[in-house]
Amino acid sequence: MARPGRPPQDPARQLERAHRILDAAAELILRWGYDKTTIEDVARAAGVAKGTIYLHWKTRDALFVALLRRDRVLMVRQVRAAAPGTLPELIGALTTALLRRPLTRAAVVGDSQMLGKLTRQKLESGGTTEGAAAFDRYLDELAALGAVRSDLGADEGLALVTALLYGFLVPQGMRPEEWRLPDERVAELVADAVGRTLGTGAPPDPGVARATRACLDAIEEIACRKLAVSLGVATLPEEK
């Protein structure tokens, strides 16, 4: 209920303000890191009062969780825009998206220099578990279609994909910049490694592309639902 004499807030304006705050937080955390970024810093950069931020998020951690959740939604939509139709294409597009989104990449590889104590907190275990379950179902479908090895369980397939992805992403961040491979080449190598490790060499089946789209649909739905909770809305507006 609105306070007497105080008109109710416009939900659209509230959402716009929340995104403006998150934009400011993203810029600061990329510049200084999580541990050195304060609510006062974010408020100043966003042009709002410190108390306004607490109208959206009760704690500093909650604000930055919302930031990571938003970045995850944007990453999934970037992957979808690449229209992958096979498992190697999906993993290649995911690798490209991760390399282009430093916040989500830092969360994936546990970059404590950027994300500080957030890397040591299981802030999104529910969403991660749901996403893993969706990917397991996807691998099961691909196995039934003869597109991936049937001698491996879905959990084993996911473990292999994760190991290959991390095996390329982590060393990239540790190498001097002049020794790093181009992002496009890293994505190609990861996709090729996944195809060689899990693929069967069978001719492509139309069902593979449908299963890939369904997997991305499920992962996007999970990511959007988590972000909606962080933004205090029932659902996210349709993507423009």
Protein backbone atom coordinates (compact mmCIF):
# COMPACT_ATOMS: atom_id res chain seq x y z
CA MET A 1 0.00 0.00 0.00
CA ALA A 2 1.33 3.44 -0.91
CA ARG A 3 1.94 5.90 1.90
CA PRO A 4 -0.73 8.62 2.35
CA GLY A 5 0.01 11.63 0.20
CA ARG A 6 2.69 9.74 -1.74
CA PRO A 7 1.76 8.60 -5.27
CA PRO A 8 2.64 4.99 -6.16
CA GLN A 9 5.84 4.48 -8.11
CA ASP A 10 5.57 3.76 -11.80
CA PRO A 11 6.83 0.14 -12.25
CA ALA A 12 8.39 0.99 -15.61
CA ARG A 13 10.32 3.90 -14.07
CA GLN A 14 11.41 1.71 -11.16
CA LEU A 15 12.74 -0.89 -13.56
CA GLU A 16 14.54 1.75 -15.62
CA ARG A 17 16.14 3.10 -12.47
CA ALA A 18 17.20 -0.39 -11.37
CA HIS A 19 18.93 -0.97 -14.71
CA ARG A 20 20.63 2.43 -14.47
CA ILE A 21 22.00 1.46 -11.06
CA LEU A 22 23.17 -1.89 -12.40
CA ASP A 23 24.87 -0.16 -15.35
CA ALA A 24 26.80 2.01 -12.90
CA ALA A 25 27.68 -0.98 -10.72
CA ALA A 26 28.96 -2.91 -13.74
CA GLU A 27 31.23 -0.07 -14.80
CA LEU A 28 32.67 0.28 -11.30
CA ILE A 29 33.22 -3.38 -10.62
CA LEU A 30 35.03 -3.79 -13.93
CA ARG A 31 37.23 -0.83 -13.01
CA TRP A 32 37.89 -1.46 -9.31
CA GLY A 33 36.60 -4.92 -8.46
CA TYR A 34 33.79 -5.94 -6.11
CA ASP A 35 35.64 -5.54 -2.81
CA LYS A 36 36.57 -1.91 -3.54
CA THR A 37 33.18 -0.84 -4.88
CA THR A 38 30.81 0.63 -2.31
CA ILE A 39 27.12 1.45 -2.39
CA GLU A 40 28.11 5.11 -2.13
CA ASP A 41 30.24 4.75 -5.26
CA VAL A 42 27.37 3.12 -7.16
CA ALA A 43 24.85 5.74 -6.02
CA ARG A 44 27.14 8.57 -7.09
CA ALA A 45 27.78 7.03 -10.51
CA ALA A 46 24.07 6.29 -11.05
CA GLY A 47 22.99 9.77 -9.94
CA VAL A 48 20.71 8.51 -7.16
CA ALA A 49 20.67 8.69 -3.37
CA LYS A 50 22.22 5.85 -1.42
CA GLY A 51 18.83 5.11 0.14
CA THR A 52 17.31 4.71 -3.31
CA ILE A 53 19.54 1.71 -3.96
CA TYR A 54 18.27 0.09 -0.76
CA LEU A 55 14.71 0.46 -2.07
CA HIS A 56 15.71 -2.03 -4.77
CA TRP A 57 18.15 -4.29 -2.89
CA LYS A 58 18.47 -4.76 0.87
CA THR A 59 22.20 -5.49 0.77
CA ARG A 60 25.26 -4.75 -1.33
CA ASP A 61 25.62 -8.45 -2.13
CA ALA A 62 22.01 -8.58 -3.41
CA LEU A 63 22.74 -5.70 -5.79
CA PHE A 64 25.75 -7.47 -7.26
CA VAL A 65 23.91 -10.78 -7.50
CA ALA A 66 21.30 -8.93 -9.57
CA LEU A 67 24.12 -7.59 -11.75
CA LEU A 68 25.50 -11.07 -12.39
CA ARG A 69 22.02 -12.44 -13.07
CA ARG A 70 21.37 -9.70 -15.61
CA ASP A 71 24.69 -10.37 -17.29
CA ARG A 72 23.80 -14.06 -17.49
CA VAL A 73 20.51 -13.27 -19.24
CA LEU A 74 22.32 -11.04 -21.73
CA MET A 75 24.88 -13.79 -22.33
CA VAL A 76 22.23 -16.44 -22.99
CA ARG A 77 20.49 -14.10 -25.43
CA GLN A 78 23.81 -13.50 -27.18
CA VAL A 79 24.23 -17.27 -27.55
CA ARG A 80 20.71 -17.59 -28.93
CA ALA A 81 21.40 -14.85 -31.48
CA ALA A 82 24.20 -17.04 -32.88
CA ALA A 83 21.52 -19.70 -33.65
CA PRO A 84 23.60 -22.77 -32.76
CA GLY A 85 22.17 -26.03 -34.09
CA THR A 86 24.54 -28.62 -32.63
CA LEU A 87 26.36 -29.24 -29.38
CA PRO A 88 29.75 -28.01 -30.69
CA GLU A 89 28.09 -24.89 -32.13
CA LEU A 90 26.33 -24.27 -28.82
CA ILE A 91 29.55 -24.59 -26.81
CA GLY A 92 31.43 -22.44 -29.33
CA ALA A 93 28.80 -19.70 -29.07
CA LEU A 94 28.83 -19.98 -25.27
CA THR A 95 32.62 -19.66 -25.20
CA THR A 96 32.48 -16.58 -27.42
CA ALA A 97 29.82 -15.02 -25.20
CA LEU A 98 31.78 -15.75 -22.02
CA LEU A 99 34.94 -14.21 -23.42
CA ARG A 100 32.98 -11.07 -24.33
CA ARG A 101 31.27 -10.74 -20.95
CA PRO A 102 33.98 -10.24 -18.30
CA LEU A 103 31.58 -10.25 -15.35
CA THR A 104 30.05 -13.64 -16.14
CA ARG A 105 33.42 -15.02 -17.15
CA ALA A 106 34.83 -13.93 -13.79
CA ALA A 107 31.95 -15.70 -12.02
CA VAL A 108 32.50 -18.89 -14.05
CA VAL A 109 36.26 -19.14 -13.48
CA GLY A 110 36.14 -17.82 -9.90
CA ASP A 111 38.10 -14.62 -10.50
CA SER A 112 38.47 -13.34 -6.94
CA GLN A 113 40.43 -10.29 -8.10
CA MET A 114 37.31 -8.96 -9.82
CA LEU A 115 34.48 -10.47 -7.78
CA GLY A 116 36.10 -10.76 -4.35
CA LYS A 117 34.06 -12.63 -1.79
CA LEU A 118 31.22 -13.21 -4.26
CA THR A 119 33.35 -16.03 -5.72
CA ARG A 120 33.29 -17.76 -2.33
CA GLN A 121 29.53 -17.61 -1.85
CA LYS A 122 27.03 -20.05 -3.36
CA LEU A 123 24.67 -17.25 -4.24
CA GLU A 124 23.01 -18.93 -7.19
CA SER A 125 23.19 -22.65 -6.49
CA GLY A 126 19.49 -23.11 -7.30
CA GLY A 127 19.74 -21.54 -10.74
CA THR A 128 23.00 -23.35 -11.47
CA THR A 129 21.45 -26.70 -10.52
CA GLU A 130 18.42 -26.05 -12.71
CA GLY A 131 20.64 -25.09 -15.63
CA ALA A 132 22.73 -28.23 -15.21
CA ALA A 133 19.56 -30.34 -15.17
CA ALA A 134 18.38 -28.71 -18.42
CA PHE A 135 21.75 -29.42 -20.03
CA ASP A 136 21.65 -33.04 -18.80
CA ARG A 137 18.27 -33.48 -20.49
CA TYR A 138 19.72 -32.00 -23.66
CA LEU A 139 22.62 -34.46 -23.67
CA ASP A 140 20.20 -37.34 -23.07
CA GLU A 141 18.19 -36.22 -26.13
CA LEU A 142 21.33 -35.97 -28.24
CA ALA A 143 22.40 -39.46 -27.16
CA ALA A 144 18.98 -40.82 -28.16
CA LEU A 145 19.42 -39.16 -31.57
CA GLY A 146 22.87 -40.70 -31.99
CA ALA A 147 24.57 -37.29 -31.97
CA VAL A 148 26.70 -37.85 -28.85
CA ARG A 149 28.26 -40.89 -27.24
CA SER A 150 25.77 -43.18 -25.53
CA ASP A 151 28.42 -44.86 -23.37
CA LEU A 152 28.54 -41.76 -21.19
CA GLY A 153 25.86 -40.60 -18.80
CA ALA A 154 24.58 -37.05 -19.14
CA ASP A 155 26.36 -36.09 -15.92
CA GLU A 156 29.62 -37.45 -17.34
CA GLY A 157 29.06 -35.57 -20.59
CA LEU A 158 28.44 -32.35 -18.67
CA ALA A 159 31.61 -32.95 -16.64
CA LEU A 160 33.63 -33.33 -19.84
CA VAL A 161 32.15 -30.22 -21.45
CA THR A 162 32.81 -28.23 -18.27
CA ALA A 163 36.40 -29.49 -18.05
CA LEU A 164 37.08 -28.57 -21.68
CA LEU A 165 35.53 -25.11 -21.28
CA TYR A 166 37.42 -24.36 -18.08
CA GLY A 167 40.58 -25.86 -19.53
CA PHE A 168 40.61 -23.18 -22.21
CA LEU A 169 39.16 -20.23 -20.28
CA VAL A 170 41.31 -20.37 -17.13
CA PRO A 171 44.74 -20.39 -18.86
CA GLN A 172 43.64 -17.53 -21.13
CA GLY A 173 43.23 -15.29 -18.10
CA MET A 174 46.57 -16.36 -16.65
CA ARG A 175 48.68 -15.72 -19.74
CA PRO A 176 50.26 -12.34 -20.55
CA GLU A 177 48.02 -10.53 -23.01
CA GLU A 178 50.48 -10.90 -25.88
CA TRP A 179 50.45 -14.70 -25.45
CA ARG A 180 46.68 -15.11 -25.42
CA LEU A 181 44.90 -16.72 -28.33
CA PRO A 182 42.29 -14.63 -30.13
CA ASP A 183 38.82 -15.11 -28.65
CA GLU A 184 37.46 -16.46 -31.93
CA ARG A 185 40.18 -19.11 -32.04
CA VAL A 186 39.54 -20.15 -28.44
CA ALA A 187 35.84 -20.64 -29.25
CA GLU A 188 36.74 -22.70 -32.33
CA LEU A 189 39.11 -24.90 -30.33
CA VAL A 190 36.62 -25.50 -27.52
CA ALA A 191 33.88 -26.39 -30.02
CA ASP A 192 36.21 -28.74 -31.88
CA ALA A 193 37.35 -30.41 -28.64
CA VAL A 194 33.74 -30.97 -27.53
CA GLY A 195 32.82 -32.40 -30.93
CA ARG A 196 35.78 -34.78 -30.93
CA THR A 197 35.26 -35.86 -27.31
CA LEU A 198 31.49 -36.38 -27.29
CA GLY A 199 30.48 -36.59 -30.93
CA THR A 200 29.76 -39.79 -32.86
CA GLY A 201 30.40 -38.60 -36.39
CA ALA A 202 26.81 -39.53 -37.32
CA PRO A 203 25.04 -37.48 -40.03
CA PRO A 204 23.15 -34.53 -38.50
CA ASP A 205 19.57 -35.23 -37.47
CA PRO A 206 16.96 -32.43 -37.65
CA GLY A 207 16.04 -33.26 -34.08
CA VAL A 208 19.45 -32.05 -32.89
CA ALA A 209 18.71 -28.44 -33.85
CA ARG A 210 15.29 -28.64 -32.16
CA ALA A 211 16.83 -30.05 -29.00
CA THR A 212 19.48 -27.32 -29.01
CA ARG A 213 16.83 -24.59 -29.27
CA ALA A 214 14.79 -26.24 -26.51
CA CYS A 215 17.86 -26.35 -24.26
CA LEU A 216 18.50 -22.65 -24.79
CA ASP A 217 14.81 -21.90 -24.18
CA ALA A 218 15.00 -23.68 -20.83
CA ILE A 219 18.24 -22.03 -19.78
CA GLU A 220 16.96 -18.57 -20.76
CA GLU A 221 13.73 -19.14 -18.82
CA ILE A 222 15.69 -20.06 -15.70
CA ALA A 223 18.02 -17.06 -16.06
CA CYS A 224 15.12 -14.65 -16.65
CA ARG A 225 13.17 -16.00 -13.68
CA LYS A 226 16.17 -15.51 -11.38
CA LEU A 227 16.73 -11.97 -12.67
CA ALA A 228 13.05 -11.10 -12.23
CA VAL A 229 13.33 -12.08 -8.56
CA SER A 230 16.40 -9.85 -8.15
CA LEU A 231 14.61 -6.93 -9.82
CA GLY A 232 11.43 -7.40 -7.78
CA VAL A 233 9.17 -7.95 -10.80
CA ALA A 234 6.88 -10.82 -11.70
CA THR A 235 8.33 -11.24 -15.18
CA LEU A 236 10.83 -9.45 -17.36
CA PRO A 237 9.58 -7.25 -20.21
CA GLU A 238 9.72 -8.84 -23.65
CA GLU A 239 13.08 -8.51 -25.37
CA LYS A 240 13.04 -5.76 -28.00
